[in-house]
Amino acid sequence: MKYTIDANGKKIGRIASAASALLMGKNTATFAKNTVADAKVEIINVDRAEVTAKKKASDVYVTYTGHRGGLNSETLAHLIGRSGMKEVFRRAVYRMLPPNKLRDLRMKNLIIKE
């Protein structure tokens, strides 16, 4: 099945949680944790999502390379300027999926359009 979520005027977290639930197949009667649902989720109008100026300044994305001194952090505003809103939604959905071997397979069923 193919699902379309319109991000126009909505918050990032609400859209990401709805998309992750659809990618896991939680809305189907045949839901199983150990399988990948055959659902394609498309998020459209991500540029029109509601993001306040305070959230752009205060949200910090932290990554760690595994080496000494490899702690990297950037704000939401910097991430949007560098990669666009598509990357923000991709990271939000990725982090809401369970961290197992199926996460990358489920992410292949996610389509994000600006």
Protein backbone atom coordinates (compact mmCIF):
# COMPACT_ATOMS: atom_id res chain seq x y z
CA MET A 1 0.00 0.00 0.00
CA LYS A 2 1.03 3.59 -0.52
CA TYR A 3 0.34 6.26 2.06
CA THR A 4 0.73 10.00 1.60
CA ILE A 5 1.25 12.40 4.49
CA ASP A 6 0.96 16.15 3.90
CA ALA A 7 3.35 18.13 6.12
CA ASN A 8 1.83 21.52 5.35
CA GLY A 9 1.46 23.42 8.64
CA LYS A 10 2.17 20.41 10.86
CA LYS A 11 4.90 19.70 13.41
CA ILE A 12 7.91 17.53 12.54
CA GLY A 13 7.46 15.04 15.37
CA ARG A 14 3.79 14.38 14.68
CA ILE A 15 4.47 13.60 11.04
CA ALA A 16 7.51 11.46 11.85
CA SER A 17 5.64 9.35 14.41
CA ALA A 18 2.76 8.77 11.99
CA ALA A 19 5.19 7.81 9.22
CA SER A 20 7.16 5.43 11.46
CA ALA A 21 3.96 3.67 12.58
CA LEU A 22 2.93 3.19 8.95
CA LEU A 23 6.41 1.93 7.98
CA MET A 24 6.28 -0.66 10.76
CA GLY A 25 2.83 -1.74 9.62
CA LYS A 26 1.15 -1.12 12.97
CA ASN A 27 -2.10 -0.18 11.23
CA THR A 28 -2.50 -3.60 9.57
CA ALA A 29 -4.13 -6.70 10.96
CA THR A 30 -1.08 -8.79 10.04
CA PHE A 31 1.40 -6.73 12.10
CA ALA A 32 4.51 -8.61 13.21
CA LYS A 33 7.60 -7.06 14.75
CA ASN A 34 9.96 -9.30 12.81
CA THR A 35 8.74 -8.42 9.31
CA VAL A 36 8.91 -5.38 7.06
CA ALA A 37 5.49 -4.11 6.04
CA ASP A 38 4.87 -3.68 2.32
CA ALA A 39 3.86 -0.06 2.84
CA LYS A 40 5.37 2.89 0.98
CA VAL A 41 5.07 6.17 2.87
CA GLU A 42 5.41 9.46 1.03
CA ILE A 43 5.76 12.75 2.92
CA ILE A 44 5.00 15.80 0.78
CA ASN A 45 5.36 19.59 1.35
CA VAL A 46 8.13 19.21 3.93
CA ASP A 47 9.27 22.79 3.26
CA ARG A 48 5.94 24.06 4.59
CA ALA A 49 6.15 22.21 7.91
CA GLU A 50 5.72 24.34 11.00
CA VAL A 51 9.06 25.06 12.68
CA THR A 52 9.40 27.97 15.11
CA ALA A 53 12.47 30.18 15.35
CA LYS A 54 13.01 29.05 18.95
CA LYS A 55 13.07 25.40 17.87
CA LYS A 56 15.55 26.16 15.08
CA ALA A 57 17.91 27.74 17.59
CA SER A 58 17.48 25.30 20.48
CA ASP A 59 17.29 21.85 18.83
CA VAL A 60 20.74 20.30 18.66
CA TYR A 61 21.62 17.19 16.65
CA VAL A 62 24.54 15.33 18.25
CA THR A 63 26.59 12.61 16.54
CA TYR A 64 29.65 10.76 17.73
CA THR A 65 32.29 9.28 15.42
CA GLY A 66 33.72 6.86 17.98
CA HIS A 67 37.12 8.55 18.10
CA ARG A 68 38.50 10.87 20.73
CA GLY A 69 37.21 14.38 20.21
CA GLY A 70 34.69 13.11 17.66
CA LEU A 71 31.58 14.60 19.24
CA ASN A 72 29.83 16.72 16.61
CA SER A 73 26.78 18.88 17.17
CA GLU A 74 24.76 21.26 15.01
CA THR A 75 21.54 23.18 15.45
CA LEU A 76 18.36 22.59 13.51
CA ALA A 77 18.83 25.87 11.62
CA HIS A 78 22.32 24.82 10.50
CA LEU A 79 21.08 21.38 9.41
CA ILE A 80 18.24 22.94 7.39
CA GLY A 81 20.68 25.34 5.74
CA ARG A 82 23.14 22.57 4.94
CA SER A 83 20.86 19.70 3.88
CA GLY A 84 17.30 21.02 3.74
CA MET A 85 14.12 19.89 5.44
CA LYS A 86 14.27 16.47 3.77
CA GLU A 87 17.21 15.49 5.97
CA VAL A 88 15.40 16.71 9.11
CA PHE A 89 12.41 14.48 8.37
CA ARG A 90 14.62 11.55 7.40
CA ARG A 91 16.49 11.74 10.71
CA ALA A 92 13.27 12.13 12.70
CA VAL A 93 11.65 9.05 11.15
CA TYR A 94 14.89 7.04 11.35
CA ARG A 95 15.22 7.68 15.09
CA MET A 96 11.57 6.76 15.75
CA LEU A 97 11.94 3.31 14.20
CA PRO A 98 13.18 0.50 16.46
CA PRO A 99 16.97 0.07 16.30
CA ASN A 100 17.24 -3.39 14.77
CA LYS A 101 18.25 -5.02 11.48
CA LEU A 102 14.97 -4.06 9.82
CA ARG A 103 15.35 -0.30 10.28
CA ASP A 104 17.34 0.25 7.07
CA LEU A 105 14.92 -1.91 5.09
CA ARG A 106 11.98 0.08 6.41
CA MET A 107 13.69 3.38 5.58
CA LYS A 108 13.90 2.31 1.93
CA ASN A 109 10.09 2.52 1.86
CA LEU A 110 10.14 6.19 2.88
CA ILE A 111 9.86 8.87 0.18
CA ILE A 112 10.26 12.53 1.13
CA LYS A 113 9.35 15.31 -1.33
CA GLU A 114 9.77 19.04 -0.86
